[in-house]
Amino acid sequence: MPRKKTLILTQPVPDGKTIKVRLDGRTIVHLKSMKTFEFWRKKYPKAEVIG
């Protein structure tokens, strides 16, 4: 039985200036600014910044 893989929507930027956001129980995205966080917040009301 195949394992479920973690869904990665964007690749992390190596400069270390990204914001880690959990959209739902198993989806994490890396954002460049808080402006883009508002976009994701509209689609996923339970989104939270985790790092």
N, C-alpha and C. Protein backbone atom coordinates (compact mmCIF):
# COMPACT_ATOMS: atom_id res chain seq x y z
N MET A 1 0.84 -1.16 0.00
CA MET A 1 0.00 0.00 0.00
C MET A 1 0.90 1.25 0.00
N PRO A 2 0.70 2.19 -0.94
CA PRO A 2 1.56 3.38 -0.99
C PRO A 2 1.28 4.32 0.18
N ARG A 3 2.33 4.98 0.61
CA ARG A 3 2.19 5.96 1.68
C ARG A 3 1.70 7.29 1.12
N LYS A 4 0.97 8.03 1.94
CA LYS A 4 0.55 9.36 1.53
C LYS A 4 1.71 10.32 1.69
N LYS A 5 1.96 11.13 0.67
CA LYS A 5 3.05 12.09 0.72
C LYS A 5 2.51 13.44 1.17
N THR A 6 3.35 14.23 1.81
CA THR A 6 2.98 15.57 2.21
C THR A 6 2.92 16.44 0.96
N LEU A 7 1.85 17.17 0.80
CA LEU A 7 1.66 18.02 -0.36
C LEU A 7 2.46 19.30 -0.18
N ILE A 8 3.34 19.60 -1.14
CA ILE A 8 4.12 20.83 -1.12
C ILE A 8 3.68 21.68 -2.30
N LEU A 9 3.07 22.83 -1.99
CA LEU A 9 2.56 23.70 -3.04
C LEU A 9 3.63 24.63 -3.59
N THR A 10 4.56 25.05 -2.75
CA THR A 10 5.65 25.92 -3.20
C THR A 10 6.95 25.44 -2.59
N GLN A 11 8.04 25.63 -3.28
CA GLN A 11 9.34 25.26 -2.77
C GLN A 11 9.85 26.36 -1.84
N PRO A 12 10.49 26.00 -0.73
CA PRO A 12 11.03 27.01 0.17
C PRO A 12 12.19 27.78 -0.47
N VAL A 13 12.28 29.07 -0.17
CA VAL A 13 13.35 29.90 -0.69
C VAL A 13 14.54 29.77 0.25
N PRO A 14 15.75 29.52 -0.27
CA PRO A 14 16.89 29.24 0.59
C PRO A 14 17.40 30.41 1.42
N ASP A 15 16.94 31.64 1.21
CA ASP A 15 17.46 32.78 1.96
C ASP A 15 16.97 32.84 3.40
N GLY A 16 16.04 31.98 3.78
CA GLY A 16 15.58 31.91 5.16
C GLY A 16 14.58 32.97 5.55
N LYS A 17 14.09 33.74 4.60
CA LYS A 17 13.13 34.80 4.90
C LYS A 17 11.73 34.40 4.48
N THR A 18 11.34 33.19 4.79
CA THR A 18 10.01 32.72 4.43
C THR A 18 9.16 32.55 5.68
N ILE A 19 7.86 32.53 5.47
CA ILE A 19 6.90 32.34 6.54
C ILE A 19 6.26 30.98 6.32
N LYS A 20 6.31 30.14 7.32
CA LYS A 20 5.75 28.80 7.23
C LYS A 20 4.31 28.85 7.70
N VAL A 21 3.38 28.36 6.86
CA VAL A 21 1.95 28.44 7.16
C VAL A 21 1.32 27.06 7.02
N ARG A 22 0.55 26.65 8.02
CA ARG A 22 -0.20 25.40 7.95
C ARG A 22 -1.61 25.74 7.48
N LEU A 23 -1.98 25.22 6.29
CA LEU A 23 -3.30 25.49 5.73
C LEU A 23 -4.37 24.60 6.34
N ASP A 24 -4.05 23.32 6.47
CA ASP A 24 -4.96 22.37 7.11
C ASP A 24 -4.10 21.34 7.84
N GLY A 25 -4.69 20.24 8.22
CA GLY A 25 -3.99 19.26 9.03
C GLY A 25 -2.73 18.69 8.44
N ARG A 26 -2.60 18.67 7.13
CA ARG A 26 -1.41 18.06 6.52
C ARG A 26 -0.75 18.90 5.43
N THR A 27 -1.21 20.12 5.20
CA THR A 27 -0.66 20.95 4.14
C THR A 27 0.07 22.16 4.72
N ILE A 28 1.35 22.29 4.38
CA ILE A 28 2.17 23.41 4.82
C ILE A 28 2.74 24.10 3.59
N VAL A 29 2.68 25.43 3.57
CA VAL A 29 3.26 26.19 2.47
C VAL A 29 4.25 27.20 3.04
N HIS A 30 5.20 27.61 2.22
CA HIS A 30 6.18 28.62 2.58
C HIS A 30 5.86 29.87 1.78
N LEU A 31 5.68 30.99 2.47
CA LEU A 31 5.30 32.24 1.81
C LEU A 31 6.42 33.26 1.95
N LYS A 32 6.50 34.17 0.98
CA LYS A 32 7.53 35.20 1.01
C LYS A 32 7.11 36.42 1.82
N SER A 33 5.80 36.67 1.94
CA SER A 33 5.35 37.85 2.67
C SER A 33 3.99 37.60 3.31
N MET A 34 3.63 38.46 4.24
CA MET A 34 2.33 38.35 4.90
C MET A 34 1.20 38.77 3.96
N LYS A 35 1.52 39.50 2.91
CA LYS A 35 0.50 39.89 1.93
C LYS A 35 -0.08 38.65 1.25
N THR A 36 0.76 37.69 0.95
CA THR A 36 0.28 36.45 0.33
C THR A 36 -0.48 35.58 1.33
N PHE A 37 -0.17 35.78 2.64
CA PHE A 37 -0.89 35.03 3.67
C PHE A 37 -2.37 35.40 3.64
N GLU A 38 -2.72 36.63 3.41
CA GLU A 38 -4.13 37.05 3.34
C GLU A 38 -4.86 36.33 2.20
N PHE A 39 -4.18 36.10 1.09
CA PHE A 39 -4.77 35.35 -0.02
C PHE A 39 -5.12 33.93 0.41
N TRP A 40 -4.18 33.27 1.08
CA TRP A 40 -4.42 31.90 1.54
C TRP A 40 -5.45 31.86 2.65
N ARG A 41 -5.49 32.89 3.47
CA ARG A 41 -6.44 32.95 4.59
C ARG A 41 -7.89 32.97 4.09
N LYS A 42 -8.12 33.59 2.93
CA LYS A 42 -9.47 33.62 2.35
C LYS A 42 -9.91 32.22 1.91
N LYS A 43 -8.98 31.43 1.38
CA LYS A 43 -9.30 30.08 0.91
C LYS A 43 -9.33 29.06 2.05
N TYR A 44 -8.48 29.28 3.05
CA TYR A 44 -8.39 28.37 4.20
C TYR A 44 -8.53 29.19 5.48
N PRO A 45 -9.75 29.34 6.00
CA PRO A 45 -9.97 30.17 7.19
C PRO A 45 -9.21 29.70 8.43
N LYS A 46 -8.85 28.44 8.50
CA LYS A 46 -8.13 27.91 9.66
C LYS A 46 -6.62 27.97 9.50
N ALA A 47 -6.13 28.67 8.48
CA ALA A 47 -4.69 28.77 8.26
C ALA A 47 -4.02 29.47 9.43
N GLU A 48 -2.81 28.99 9.78
CA GLU A 48 -2.08 29.59 10.89
C GLU A 48 -0.59 29.64 10.58
N VAL A 49 0.06 30.68 11.05
CA VAL A 49 1.50 30.84 10.88
C VAL A 49 2.19 29.97 11.92
N ILE A 50 3.13 29.13 11.48
CA ILE A 50 3.80 28.24 12.42
C ILE A 50 5.30 28.50 12.49
N GLY A 51 5.80 29.41 11.69
CA GLY A 51 7.24 29.68 11.79
C GLY A 51 7.77 30.58 10.75
